[in-house]
Amino acid sequence: MVQAAGVIRSGGHEIEAVRHDWDRAEAEALYALPFADLVFWAQSIHRSYFDPNHVETASLLSIKTGGCPEDCGYCSQSAHYDTGLKATKLMAREDVVATARRARDAGASRFCMAAAWRNPKDRDLDEICGMVSAVKDLGMETCATLGMLTPAQAARLREAGLDFYNHNVDTSPEFYDKIITTRTLQDRVDTLAHVRDAGIKVCCGGIVGMGEEVEDRLGMLVLLANLPSHPESVPINLWNEVKGVPVNDTAERPDPIALARLVAVARILMPRSVVRLSAGRQYMTDELQALCFLAGANSIFIGDVLLTTKNPQRDRDANLLDRLGVKSRLNQVRSSEPRSAHD
């Protein structure tokens, strides 16, 4: 018997199921399927829960950059490494809201605010809550990533109108302490629980291409799939090259087919989750992105910059989605603009 999220197949019979008890061997068996079978299975499950011809669009802004006390070996914003990035103070609320308005008008439906902190101080949270409420008033979904939270802080963010909280587990339990030593994986899991208990939706995924093995990538997905509730959003990030960080010594970009396989396994393990192609899309061809959409990815970040790294330009994204016949708010906005604005 092979049991997958969304369906149990045994003796030709199918029974609906969403699981939270995956083991690594099952995920590895899925990943090893013939590619056509794996993608067909993932796409079949995808169609059970989502419109296969729709992609969600989100925008991400660094509202406080650099100077982070964590030693994440992949990150340009860590104070432990000389990456040439200058630390900044928290942005003014009016500037954040103005950026969110531009993102909305450019086609984003969700706006994520990111601050390079280990954990926010309560005085900073006062200002963040004001930003969340103001962005919510623009008619956008709101998301924040601010580091670890206490239960009380999570509750305050929910009261301010926060819809999603991003807090990635980054990698597998086995590889975790090879890239981060200033916190534990359990610290991340605890914050996810505080967020969930506060009634905020969870955005949680990881990074591939840091030197981890395929087994580590699958271990990360199994960790997420076995949480009490699957994350509503699962971002899959390709590591962006950053000068001065330790991951430079171990990084190896995944084979494109391997990345599409990973997306397909994520879709099967977490059938109701939005799977987002996040950082690193500038390294992906249009053909690879199309293959990932076929494998079950259904969200992207739009905008020229993600935090401190590059991202494909809006016109390239809109053109790709148009060619694929995929609907998004980006296409809707672009089609309403004067032709001279994007021809």
C-alpha atoms as a PDB file:
ATOM      1  CA  MET A   1       0.000   0.000   0.000  1.00  0.00           C
ATOM      2  CA  VAL A   2       1.204   3.515  -0.828  1.00  0.00           C
ATOM      3  CA  GLN A   3      -0.536   6.193   1.197  1.00  0.00           C
ATOM      4  CA  ALA A   4      -0.258   9.825   0.220  1.00  0.00           C
ATOM      5  CA  ALA A   5      -1.706  13.075   1.403  1.00  0.00           C
ATOM      6  CA  GLY A   6      -5.064  13.426  -0.245  1.00  0.00           C
ATOM      7  CA  VAL A   7      -5.471   9.772  -1.174  1.00  0.00           C
ATOM      8  CA  ILE A   8      -4.749   6.262   0.033  1.00  0.00           C
ATOM      9  CA  ARG A   9      -4.157   3.834  -2.839  1.00  0.00           C
ATOM     10  CA  SER A  10      -4.450   0.172  -2.021  1.00  0.00           C
ATOM     11  CA  GLY A  11      -5.549  -2.598  -4.344  1.00  0.00           C
ATOM     12  CA  GLY A  12      -6.999  -0.100  -6.799  1.00  0.00           C
ATOM     13  CA  HIS A  13      -9.184   1.577  -4.157  1.00  0.00           C
ATOM     14  CA  GLU A  14      -8.868   5.222  -3.183  1.00  0.00           C
ATOM     15  CA  ILE A  15      -9.804   6.759   0.172  1.00  0.00           C
ATOM     16  CA  GLU A  16      -9.496  10.452   1.023  1.00  0.00           C
ATOM     17  CA  ALA A  17      -6.885  11.208   3.699  1.00  0.00           C
ATOM     18  CA  VAL A  18      -4.629  14.031   4.876  1.00  0.00           C
ATOM     19  CA  ARG A  19      -1.806  12.719   6.952  1.00  0.00           C
ATOM     20  CA  HIS A  20       0.420  14.023   9.731  1.00  0.00           C
ATOM     21  CA  ASP A  21       2.395  10.825  10.305  1.00  0.00           C
ATOM     22  CA  TRP A  22       4.843  10.630   7.420  1.00  0.00           C
ATOM     23  CA  ASP A  23       8.233   8.986   7.786  1.00  0.00           C
ATOM     24  CA  ARG A  24      11.385   9.742   5.841  1.00  0.00           C
ATOM     25  CA  ALA A  25      11.340   6.440   3.942  1.00  0.00           C
ATOM     26  CA  GLU A  26       7.900   7.210   2.499  1.00  0.00           C
ATOM     27  CA  ALA A  27       8.998  10.637   1.335  1.00  0.00           C
ATOM     28  CA  GLU A  28      12.116   9.133  -0.239  1.00  0.00           C
ATOM     29  CA  ALA A  29       9.989   6.527  -2.032  1.00  0.00           C
ATOM     30  CA  LEU A  30       7.791   9.271  -3.473  1.00  0.00           C
ATOM     31  CA  TYR A  31      10.808  11.306  -4.563  1.00  0.00           C
ATOM     32  CA  ALA A  32      12.273   8.269  -6.315  1.00  0.00           C
ATOM     33  CA  LEU A  33       9.170   7.552  -8.425  1.00  0.00           C
ATOM     34  CA  PRO A  34       9.509   7.847 -12.200  1.00  0.00           C
ATOM     35  CA  PHE A  35       9.233  11.568 -12.872  1.00  0.00           C
ATOM     36  CA  ALA A  36       6.047  11.334 -14.951  1.00  0.00           C
ATOM     37  CA  ASP A  37       4.317   9.299 -12.243  1.00  0.00           C
ATOM     38  CA  LEU A  38       5.397  11.647  -9.472  1.00  0.00           C
ATOM     39  CA  VAL A  39       4.250  14.791 -11.279  1.00  0.00           C
ATOM     40  CA  PHE A  40       0.968  13.185 -12.364  1.00  0.00           C
ATOM     41  CA  TRP A  41       0.263  12.180  -8.764  1.00  0.00           C
ATOM     42  CA  ALA A  42       1.132  15.654  -7.455  1.00  0.00           C
ATOM     43  CA  GLN A  43      -0.903  17.412 -10.139  1.00  0.00           C
ATOM     44  CA  SER A  44      -3.904  15.161  -9.471  1.00  0.00           C
ATOM     45  CA  ILE A  45      -3.822  16.058  -5.787  1.00  0.00           C
ATOM     46  CA  HIS A  46      -3.233  19.716  -6.617  1.00  0.00           C
ATOM     47  CA  ARG A  47      -6.401  19.803  -8.728  1.00  0.00           C
ATOM     48  CA  SER A  48      -8.394  18.387  -5.816  1.00  0.00           C
ATOM     49  CA  TYR A  49      -7.647  21.437  -3.683  1.00  0.00           C
ATOM     50  CA  PHE A  50      -6.685  24.311  -6.000  1.00  0.00           C
ATOM     51  CA  ASP A  51      -7.372  25.851  -9.371  1.00  0.00           C
ATOM     52  CA  PRO A  52      -4.405  24.484 -11.385  1.00  0.00           C
ATOM     53  CA  ASN A  53      -4.424  27.615 -13.533  1.00  0.00           C
ATOM     54  CA  HIS A  54      -4.100  30.170 -10.747  1.00  0.00           C
ATOM     55  CA  VAL A  55      -0.990  31.462  -8.981  1.00  0.00           C
ATOM     56  CA  GLU A  56      -0.985  33.607  -5.849  1.00  0.00           C
ATOM     57  CA  THR A  57       1.189  36.743  -5.889  1.00  0.00           C
ATOM     58  CA  ALA A  58       2.852  38.222  -2.813  1.00  0.00           C
ATOM     59  CA  SER A  59       5.330  41.014  -2.104  1.00  0.00           C
ATOM     60  CA  LEU A  60       8.073  41.104   0.519  1.00  0.00           C
ATOM     61  CA  LEU A  61       9.705  44.153   2.109  1.00  0.00           C
ATOM     62  CA  SER A  62      12.630  44.341   4.524  1.00  0.00           C
ATOM     63  CA  ILE A  63      11.403  46.862   7.087  1.00  0.00           C
ATOM     64  CA  LYS A  64      14.530  46.485   9.240  1.00  0.00           C
ATOM     65  CA  THR A  65      17.676  45.276   7.508  1.00  0.00           C
ATOM     66  CA  GLY A  66      20.904  43.792   8.873  1.00  0.00           C
ATOM     67  CA  GLY A  67      22.508  43.638  12.305  1.00  0.00           C
ATOM     68  CA  CYS A  68      20.806  40.367  13.259  1.00  0.00           C
ATOM     69  CA  PRO A  69      22.483  38.595  16.223  1.00  0.00           C
ATOM     70  CA  GLU A  70      21.735  35.118  14.821  1.00  0.00           C
ATOM     71  CA  ASP A  71      24.571  33.291  13.037  1.00  0.00           C
ATOM     72  CA  CYS A  72      22.575  31.708  10.176  1.00  0.00           C
ATOM     73  CA  GLY A  73      25.324  30.629   7.803  1.00  0.00           C
ATOM     74  CA  TYR A  74      23.324  31.539   4.705  1.00  0.00           C
ATOM     75  CA  CYS A  75      22.211  35.042   5.608  1.00  0.00           C
ATOM     76  CA  SER A  76      23.528  38.396   4.436  1.00  0.00           C
ATOM     77  CA  GLN A  77      21.895  40.110   7.418  1.00  0.00           C
ATOM     78  CA  SER A  78      23.787  38.319  10.177  1.00  0.00           C
ATOM     79  CA  ALA A  79      26.026  40.558  12.289  1.00  0.00           C
ATOM     80  CA  HIS A  80      28.487  37.642  12.548  1.00  0.00           C
ATOM     81  CA  TYR A  81      29.703  38.030   8.954  1.00  0.00           C
ATOM     82  CA  ASP A  82      31.151  40.798   6.824  1.00  0.00           C
ATOM     83  CA  THR A  83      28.764  40.826   3.865  1.00  0.00           C
ATOM     84  CA  GLY A  84      28.969  44.515   3.071  1.00  0.00           C
ATOM     85  CA  LEU A  85      25.380  45.048   4.156  1.00  0.00           C
ATOM     86  CA  LYS A  86      24.740  48.123   6.281  1.00  0.00           C
ATOM     87  CA  ALA A  87      22.318  47.706   9.169  1.00  0.00           C
ATOM     88  CA  THR A  88      19.301  50.008   9.171  1.00  0.00           C
ATOM     89  CA  LYS A  89      16.723  51.138  11.673  1.00  0.00           C
ATOM     90  CA  LEU A  90      13.067  50.162  11.479  1.00  0.00           C
ATOM     91  CA  MET A  91      11.375  51.892   8.547  1.00  0.00           C
ATOM     92  CA  ALA A  92       8.825  54.610   9.183  1.00  0.00           C
ATOM     93  CA  ARG A  93       5.250  53.414   9.096  1.00  0.00           C
ATOM     94  CA  GLU A  94       4.218  55.766   6.302  1.00  0.00           C
ATOM     95  CA  ASP A  95       7.042  54.477   4.087  1.00  0.00           C
ATOM     96  CA  VAL A  96       6.016  50.863   4.666  1.00  0.00           C
ATOM     97  CA  VAL A  97       2.398  51.624   3.844  1.00  0.00           C
ATOM     98  CA  ALA A  98       3.398  53.533   0.704  1.00  0.00           C
ATOM     99  CA  THR A  99       5.454  50.527  -0.440  1.00  0.00           C
ATOM    100  CA  ALA A 100       2.548  48.192   0.288  1.00  0.00           C
ATOM    101  CA  ARG A 101       0.220  50.396  -1.748  1.00  0.00           C
ATOM    102  CA  ARG A 102       2.603  50.270  -4.705  1.00  0.00           C
ATOM    103  CA  ALA A 103       2.872  46.495  -4.372  1.00  0.00           C
ATOM    104  CA  ARG A 104      -0.913  46.177  -4.345  1.00  0.00           C
ATOM    105  CA  ASP A 105      -1.232  48.390  -7.399  1.00  0.00           C
ATOM    106  CA  ALA A 106       1.452  46.322  -9.155  1.00  0.00           C
ATOM    107  CA  GLY A 107      -0.469  43.089  -8.622  1.00  0.00           C
ATOM    108  CA  ALA A 108       0.388  41.700  -5.171  1.00  0.00           C
ATOM    109  CA  SER A 109      -2.416  40.342  -3.031  1.00  0.00           C
ATOM    110  CA  ARG A 110      -0.307  39.707   0.087  1.00  0.00           C
ATOM    111  CA  PHE A 111       2.303  41.952   1.696  1.00  0.00           C
ATOM    112  CA  CYS A 112       4.978  40.538   3.978  1.00  0.00           C
ATOM    113  CA  MET A 113       7.046  42.703   6.334  1.00  0.00           C
ATOM    114  CA  ALA A 114      10.404  41.282   7.407  1.00  0.00           C
ATOM    115  CA  ALA A 115      12.704  42.505  10.179  1.00  0.00           C
ATOM    116  CA  ALA A 116      16.182  41.122  10.900  1.00  0.00           C
ATOM    117  CA  TRP A 117      15.708  40.371  14.591  1.00  0.00           C
ATOM    118  CA  ARG A 118      16.228  37.357  16.812  1.00  0.00           C
ATOM    119  CA  ASN A 119      12.979  38.420  18.445  1.00  0.00           C
ATOM    120  CA  PRO A 120      11.141  41.766  18.487  1.00  0.00           C
ATOM    121  CA  LYS A 121      11.153  44.028  21.505  1.00  0.00           C
ATOM    122  CA  ASP A 122       7.743  45.089  22.745  1.00  0.00           C
ATOM    123  CA  ARG A 123       8.385  48.727  21.842  1.00  0.00           C
ATOM    124  CA  ASP A 124       9.142  47.661  18.270  1.00  0.00           C
ATOM    125  CA  LEU A 125       6.037  45.503  18.219  1.00  0.00           C
ATOM    126  CA  ASP A 126       3.911  48.581  18.907  1.00  0.00           C
ATOM    127  CA  GLU A 127       5.047  50.083  15.612  1.00  0.00           C
ATOM    128  CA  ILE A 128       4.796  46.770  13.746  1.00  0.00           C
ATOM    129  CA  CYS A 129       1.185  46.369  14.853  1.00  0.00           C
ATOM    130  CA  GLY A 130       0.424  49.825  13.480  1.00  0.00           C
ATOM    131  CA  MET A 131       1.984  48.844  10.154  1.00  0.00           C
ATOM    132  CA  VAL A 132      -0.029  45.633  10.022  1.00  0.00           C
ATOM    133  CA  SER A 133      -3.299  47.440  10.640  1.00  0.00           C
ATOM    134  CA  ALA A 134      -2.515  50.105   8.039  1.00  0.00           C
ATOM    135  CA  VAL A 135      -1.586  47.534   5.369  1.00  0.00           C
ATOM    136  CA  LYS A 136      -4.707  45.547   6.210  1.00  0.00           C
ATOM    137  CA  ASP A 137      -6.732  48.701   5.526  1.00  0.00           C
ATOM    138  CA  LEU A 138      -5.348  48.666   1.962  1.00  0.00           C
ATOM    139  CA  GLY A 139      -7.297  45.461   1.351  1.00  0.00           C
ATOM    140  CA  MET A 140      -4.225  43.210   1.323  1.00  0.00           C
ATOM    141  CA  GLU A 141      -3.452  40.033   3.232  1.00  0.00           C
ATOM    142  CA  THR A 142      -0.771  40.749   5.803  1.00  0.00           C
ATOM    143  CA  CYS A 143       2.290  38.701   6.703  1.00  0.00           C
ATOM    144  CA  ALA A 144       5.262  39.345   8.972  1.00  0.00           C
ATOM    145  CA  THR A 145       8.548  37.646   9.799  1.00  0.00           C
ATOM    146  CA  LEU A 146      10.192  39.102  12.884  1.00  0.00           C
ATOM    147  CA  GLY A 147      12.015  36.196  14.498  1.00  0.00           C
ATOM    148  CA  MET A 148      10.877  34.287  17.561  1.00  0.00           C
ATOM    149  CA  LEU A 149       7.682  35.351  19.329  1.00  0.00           C
ATOM    150  CA  THR A 150       6.194  34.883  22.766  1.00  0.00           C
ATOM    151  CA  PRO A 151       2.527  33.842  23.033  1.00  0.00           C
ATOM    152  CA  ALA A 152       1.633  37.396  24.111  1.00  0.00           C
ATOM    153  CA  GLN A 153       3.404  38.929  21.119  1.00  0.00           C
ATOM    154  CA  ALA A 154       1.661  36.560  18.723  1.00  0.00           C
ATOM    155  CA  ALA A 155      -1.688  37.504  20.246  1.00  0.00           C
ATOM    156  CA  ARG A 156      -0.946  41.210  19.793  1.00  0.00           C
ATOM    157  CA  LEU A 157      -0.118  40.708  16.129  1.00  0.00           C
ATOM    158  CA  ARG A 158      -3.347  38.815  15.596  1.00  0.00           C
ATOM    159  CA  GLU A 159      -5.320  41.623  17.230  1.00  0.00           C
ATOM    160  CA  ALA A 160      -3.640  44.073  14.851  1.00  0.00           C
ATOM    161  CA  GLY A 161      -4.953  42.067  11.900  1.00  0.00           C
ATOM    162  CA  LEU A 162      -1.985  39.880  10.947  1.00  0.00           C
ATOM    163  CA  ASP A 163      -3.071  37.043   8.660  1.00  0.00           C
ATOM    164  CA  PHE A 164       0.180  35.074   8.258  1.00  0.00           C
ATOM    165  CA  TYR A 165       3.436  34.694  10.130  1.00  0.00           C
ATOM    166  CA  ASN A 166       6.529  33.441   8.320  1.00  0.00           C
ATOM    167  CA  HIS A 167       9.008  31.442  10.359  1.00  0.00           C
ATOM    168  CA  ASN A 168      10.999  28.967   8.285  1.00  0.00           C
ATOM    169  CA  VAL A 169      12.497  25.779   9.703  1.00  0.00           C
ATOM    170  CA  ASP A 170      15.206  26.206   7.030  1.00  0.00           C
ATOM    171  CA  THR A 171      16.358  22.586   6.701  1.00  0.00           C
ATOM    172  CA  SER A 172      16.207  19.121   8.227  1.00  0.00           C
ATOM    173  CA  PRO A 173      16.720  18.449  11.946  1.00  0.00           C
ATOM    174  CA  GLU A 174      19.975  16.641  11.093  1.00  0.00           C
ATOM    175  CA  PHE A 175      21.459  19.524   9.080  1.00  0.00           C
ATOM    176  CA  TYR A 176      20.153  22.350  11.231  1.00  0.00           C
ATOM    177  CA  ASP A 177      23.097  22.794  13.597  1.00  0.00           C
ATOM    178  CA  LYS A 178      25.507  22.810  10.649  1.00  0.00           C
ATOM    179  CA  ILE A 179      24.131  26.175   9.516  1.00  0.00           C
ATOM    180  CA  ILE A 180      22.829  27.760  12.752  1.00  0.00           C
ATOM    181  CA  THR A 181      24.156  27.576  16.319  1.00  0.00           C
ATOM    182  CA  THR A 182      22.536  30.579  18.050  1.00  0.00           C
ATOM    183  CA  ARG A 183      19.106  28.949  18.220  1.00  0.00           C
ATOM    184  CA  THR A 184      17.656  25.463  18.009  1.00  0.00           C
ATOM    185  CA  LEU A 185      15.114  23.978  15.681  1.00  0.00           C
ATOM    186  CA  GLN A 186      12.852  23.558  18.699  1.00  0.00           C
ATOM    187  CA  ASP A 187      12.933  27.343  19.171  1.00  0.00           C
ATOM    188  CA  ARG A 188      11.429  27.650  15.693  1.00  0.00           C
ATOM    189  CA  VAL A 189       8.800  24.998  16.340  1.00  0.00           C
ATOM    190  CA  ASP A 190       7.804  26.676  19.604  1.00  0.00           C
ATOM    191  CA  THR A 191       7.183  29.997  17.825  1.00  0.00           C
ATOM    192  CA  LEU A 192       5.098  28.194  15.185  1.00  0.00           C
ATOM    193  CA  ALA A 193       2.942  26.825  17.990  1.00  0.00           C
ATOM    194  CA  HIS A 194       2.533  30.287  19.556  1.00  0.00           C
ATOM    195  CA  VAL A 195       1.496  31.693  16.168  1.00  0.00           C
ATOM    196  CA  ARG A 196      -0.992  28.914  15.532  1.00  0.00           C
ATOM    197  CA  ASP A 197      -2.459  29.203  19.047  1.00  0.00           C
ATOM    198  CA  ALA A 198      -2.987  32.941  18.468  1.00  0.00           C
ATOM    199  CA  GLY A 199      -5.102  32.209  15.390  1.00  0.00           C
ATOM    200  CA  ILE A 200      -2.533  33.363  12.817  1.00  0.00           C
ATOM    201  CA  LYS A 201      -1.920  31.273   9.700  1.00  0.00           C
ATOM    202  CA  VAL A 202       1.528  29.778   9.334  1.00  0.00           C
ATOM    203  CA  CYS A 203       3.975  30.350   6.479  1.00  0.00           C
ATOM    204  CA  CYS A 204       6.872  27.944   6.928  1.00  0.00           C
ATOM    205  CA  GLY A 205       9.331  26.316   4.566  1.00  0.00           C
ATOM    206  CA  GLY A 206      13.049  26.211   3.998  1.00  0.00           C
ATOM    207  CA  ILE A 207      16.101  26.707   1.831  1.00  0.00           C
ATOM    208  CA  VAL A 208      17.732  24.303  -0.597  1.00  0.00           C
ATOM    209  CA  GLY A 209      21.175  24.489  -2.151  1.00  0.00           C
ATOM    210  CA  MET A 210      23.221  25.125   1.016  1.00  0.00           C
ATOM    211  CA  GLY A 211      25.163  21.881   0.758  1.00  0.00           C
ATOM    212  CA  GLU A 212      22.516  19.649   2.272  1.00  0.00           C
ATOM    213  CA  GLU A 213      21.658  16.212   0.861  1.00  0.00           C
ATOM    214  CA  VAL A 214      18.388  15.288  -0.819  1.00  0.00           C
ATOM    215  CA  GLU A 215      17.533  13.427   2.381  1.00  0.00           C
ATOM    216  CA  ASP A 216      17.768  16.723   4.278  1.00  0.00           C
ATOM    217  CA  ARG A 217      15.369  18.439   1.871  1.00  0.00           C
ATOM    218  CA  LEU A 218      12.887  15.626   2.305  1.00  0.00           C
ATOM    219  CA  GLY A 219      13.438  15.652   6.061  1.00  0.00           C
ATOM    220  CA  MET A 220      12.452  19.312   6.111  1.00  0.00           C
ATOM    221  CA  LEU A 221       9.208  18.510   4.256  1.00  0.00           C
ATOM    222  CA  VAL A 222       8.447  15.582   6.561  1.00  0.00           C
ATOM    223  CA  LEU A 223       8.959  17.855   9.581  1.00  0.00           C
ATOM    224  CA  LEU A 224       6.429  20.328   8.179  1.00  0.00           C
ATOM    225  CA  ALA A 225       3.976  17.639   7.104  1.00  0.00           C
ATOM    226  CA  ASN A 226       3.979  16.128  10.593  1.00  0.00           C
ATOM    227  CA  LEU A 227       3.163  19.356  12.429  1.00  0.00           C
ATOM    228  CA  PRO A 228      -0.264  19.277  14.131  1.00  0.00           C
ATOM    229  CA  SER A 229      -1.538  21.481  11.281  1.00  0.00           C
ATOM    230  CA  HIS A 230       0.132  21.837   7.912  1.00  0.00           C
ATOM    231  CA  PRO A 231       1.429  25.352   7.190  1.00  0.00           C
ATOM    232  CA  GLU A 232      -1.002  27.285   5.031  1.00  0.00           C
ATOM    233  CA  SER A 233       1.986  28.459   2.966  1.00  0.00           C
ATOM    234  CA  VAL A 234       5.195  26.517   2.287  1.00  0.00           C
ATOM    235  CA  PRO A 235       7.934  28.663   0.695  1.00  0.00           C
ATOM    236  CA  ILE A 236      10.727  26.791  -1.059  1.00  0.00           C
ATOM    237  CA  ASN A 237      13.786  29.002  -1.386  1.00  0.00           C
ATOM    238  CA  LEU A 238      16.864  28.484  -3.535  1.00  0.00           C
ATOM    239  CA  TRP A 239      19.864  29.817  -1.654  1.00  0.00           C
ATOM    240  CA  ASN A 240      20.975  33.145  -3.079  1.00  0.00           C
ATOM    241  CA  GLU A 241      24.703  33.662  -3.388  1.00  0.00           C
ATOM    242  CA  VAL A 242      25.942  35.937  -0.592  1.00  0.00           C
ATOM    243  CA  LYS A 243      29.555  37.019  -0.184  1.00  0.00           C
ATOM    244  CA  GLY A 244      31.125  36.531   3.226  1.00  0.00           C
ATOM    245  CA  VAL A 245      28.888  33.811   4.700  1.00  0.00           C
ATOM    246  CA  PRO A 246      29.921  30.220   5.526  1.00  0.00           C
ATOM    247  CA  VAL A 247      27.402  28.588   3.198  1.00  0.00           C
ATOM    248  CA  ASN A 248      29.499  29.874   0.293  1.00  0.00           C
ATOM    249  CA  ASP A 249      31.916  27.040   1.085  1.00  0.00           C
ATOM    250  CA  THR A 250      29.285  24.296   0.846  1.00  0.00           C
ATOM    251  CA  ALA A 251      26.602  25.636  -1.490  1.00  0.00           C
ATOM    252  CA  GLU A 252      25.553  23.629  -4.521  1.00  0.00           C
ATOM    253  CA  ARG A 253      22.539  24.620  -6.594  1.00  0.00           C
ATOM    254  CA  PRO A 254      20.030  21.784  -6.997  1.00  0.00           C
ATOM    255  CA  ASP A 255      19.528  20.106 -10.334  1.00  0.00           C
ATOM    256  CA  PRO A 256      16.357  21.556 -11.919  1.00  0.00           C
ATOM    257  CA  ILE A 257      14.617  18.177 -12.068  1.00  0.00           C
ATOM    258  CA  ALA A 258      15.502  17.607  -8.414  1.00  0.00           C
ATOM    259  CA  LEU A 259      13.821  20.900  -7.518  1.00  0.00           C
ATOM    260  CA  ALA A 260      10.660  19.966  -9.434  1.00  0.00           C
ATOM    261  CA  ARG A 261      10.648  16.600  -7.630  1.00  0.00           C
ATOM    262  CA  LEU A 262      10.865  18.402  -4.287  1.00  0.00           C
ATOM    263  CA  VAL A 263       7.896  20.618  -5.167  1.00  0.00           C
ATOM    264  CA  ALA A 264       5.880  17.556  -6.169  1.00  0.00           C
ATOM    265  CA  VAL A 265       6.648  15.791  -2.879  1.00  0.00           C
ATOM    266  CA  ALA A 266       5.672  18.942  -0.948  1.00  0.00           C
ATOM    267  CA  ARG A 267       2.360  19.002  -2.794  1.00  0.00           C
ATOM    268  CA  ILE A 268       1.647  15.335  -2.017  1.00  0.00           C
ATOM    269  CA  LEU A 269       2.617  15.578   1.647  1.00  0.00           C
ATOM    270  CA  MET A 270       0.723  18.845   2.254  1.00  0.00           C
ATOM    271  CA  PRO A 271      -2.181  18.889  -0.201  1.00  0.00           C
ATOM    272  CA  ARG A 272      -3.975  21.944   1.180  1.00  0.00           C
ATOM    273  CA  SER A 273      -0.885  24.136   1.538  1.00  0.00           C
ATOM    274  CA  VAL A 274       0.075  26.857  -0.919  1.00  0.00           C
ATOM    275  CA  VAL A 275       3.566  25.958  -2.171  1.00  0.00           C
ATOM    276  CA  ARG A 276       5.526  29.094  -3.023  1.00  0.00           C
ATOM    277  CA  LEU A 277       8.531  29.467  -5.289  1.00  0.00           C
ATOM    278  CA  SER A 278      10.335  32.058  -3.196  1.00  0.00           C
ATOM    279  CA  ALA A 279      13.934  33.292  -3.207  1.00  0.00           C
ATOM    280  CA  GLY A 280      16.184  32.235  -6.049  1.00  0.00           C
ATOM    281  CA  ARG A 281      13.727  32.426  -8.926  1.00  0.00           C
ATOM    282  CA  GLN A 282      16.217  34.600 -10.809  1.00  0.00           C
ATOM    283  CA  TYR A 283      18.262  31.407 -11.200  1.00  0.00           C
ATOM    284  CA  MET A 284      15.298  29.496 -12.650  1.00  0.00           C
ATOM    285  CA  THR A 285      14.423  29.337 -16.329  1.00  0.00           C
ATOM    286  CA  ASP A 286      10.853  29.908 -17.424  1.00  0.00           C
ATOM    287  CA  GLU A 287      10.697  26.223 -18.295  1.00  0.00           C
ATOM    288  CA  LEU A 288      11.729  25.173 -14.788  1.00  0.00           C
ATOM    289  CA  GLN A 289       9.162  27.482 -13.207  1.00  0.00           C
ATOM    290  CA  ALA A 290       6.478  26.048 -15.487  1.00  0.00           C
ATOM    291  CA  LEU A 291       7.514  22.541 -14.473  1.00  0.00           C
ATOM    292  CA  CYS A 292       7.278  23.503 -10.793  1.00  0.00           C
ATOM    293  CA  PHE A 293       3.773  24.910 -11.336  1.00  0.00           C
ATOM    294  CA  LEU A 294       2.843  21.603 -12.960  1.00  0.00           C
ATOM    295  CA  ALA A 295       4.283  19.784  -9.951  1.00  0.00           C
ATOM    296  CA  GLY A 296       2.073  21.766  -7.569  1.00  0.00           C
ATOM    297  CA  ALA A 297       3.658  25.161  -6.853  1.00  0.00           C
ATOM    298  CA  ASN A 298       1.020  27.900  -6.861  1.00  0.00           C
ATOM    299  CA  SER A 299       2.520  31.070  -5.432  1.00  0.00           C
ATOM    300  CA  ILE A 300       5.376  33.469  -6.211  1.00  0.00           C
ATOM    301  CA  PHE A 301       6.837  36.661  -4.815  1.00  0.00           C
ATOM    302  CA  ILE A 302       6.723  39.555  -7.241  1.00  0.00           C
ATOM    303  CA  GLY A 303       8.932  42.663  -7.199  1.00  0.00           C
ATOM    304  CA  ASP A 304      12.519  43.320  -8.200  1.00  0.00           C
ATOM    305  CA  VAL A 305      13.990  42.634  -4.735  1.00  0.00           C
ATOM    306  CA  LEU A 306      13.322  40.092  -1.956  1.00  0.00           C
ATOM    307  CA  LEU A 307      14.827  41.468   1.251  1.00  0.00           C
ATOM    308  CA  THR A 308      18.443  41.903   0.081  1.00  0.00           C
ATOM    309  CA  THR A 309      18.449  39.672  -3.021  1.00  0.00           C
ATOM    310  CA  LYS A 310      17.281  40.004  -6.615  1.00  0.00           C
ATOM    311  CA  ASN A 311      13.975  38.701  -7.978  1.00  0.00           C
ATOM    312  CA  PRO A 312      12.619  38.422 -11.549  1.00  0.00           C
ATOM    313  CA  GLN A 313      11.102  41.619 -12.881  1.00  0.00           C
ATOM    314  CA  ARG A 314       7.334  41.978 -12.903  1.00  0.00           C
ATOM    315  CA  ASP A 315       7.024  42.004 -16.685  1.00  0.00           C
ATOM    316  CA  ARG A 316       8.916  38.726 -16.967  1.00  0.00           C
ATOM    317  CA  ASP A 317       6.580  37.122 -14.432  1.00  0.00           C
ATOM    318  CA  ALA A 318       3.468  38.477 -16.122  1.00  0.00           C
ATOM    319  CA  ASN A 319       4.708  37.316 -19.516  1.00  0.00           C
ATOM    320  CA  LEU A 320       5.406  33.810 -18.236  1.00  0.00           C
ATOM    321  CA  LEU A 321       2.007  33.485 -16.579  1.00  0.00           C
ATOM    322  CA  ASP A 322       0.325  34.794 -19.742  1.00  0.00           C
ATOM    323  CA  ARG A 323       2.119  32.213 -21.877  1.00  0.00           C
ATOM    324  CA  LEU A 324       1.054  29.449 -19.509  1.00  0.00           C
ATOM    325  CA  GLY A 325      -2.548  30.630 -19.368  1.00  0.00           C
ATOM    326  CA  VAL A 326      -2.213  31.017 -15.600  1.00  0.00           C
ATOM    327  CA  LYS A 327      -4.414  33.568 -13.843  1.00  0.00           C
ATOM    328  CA  SER A 328      -3.104  35.859 -11.108  1.00  0.00           C
ATOM    329  CA  ARG A 329      -3.761  39.283  -9.723  1.00  0.00           C
ATOM    330  CA  LEU A 330      -0.582  40.378 -11.476  1.00  0.00           C
ATOM    331  CA  ASN A 331      -2.120  39.640 -14.864  1.00  0.00           C
ATOM    332  CA  GLN A 332      -5.371  41.347 -13.912  1.00  0.00           C
ATOM    333  CA  VAL A 333      -3.586  44.546 -12.926  1.00  0.00           C
ATOM    334  CA  ARG A 334      -1.265  44.481 -15.913  1.00  0.00           C
ATOM    335  CA  SER A 335      -4.119  43.984 -18.381  1.00  0.00           C
ATOM    336  CA  SER A 336      -5.852  47.093 -17.028  1.00  0.00           C
ATOM    337  CA  GLU A 337      -2.794  49.318 -17.504  1.00  0.00           C
ATOM    338  CA  PRO A 338      -2.262  51.434 -20.630  1.00  0.00           C
ATOM    339  CA  ARG A 339      -0.393  49.406 -23.231  1.00  0.00           C
ATOM    340  CA  SER A 340       2.507  51.848 -23.233  1.00  0.00           C
ATOM    341  CA  ALA A 341       3.156  51.034 -19.590  1.00  0.00           C
ATOM    342  CA  HIS A 342       4.313  47.475 -20.335  1.00  0.00           C
ATOM    343  CA  ASP A 343       4.843  47.158 -24.085  1.00  0.00           C
END
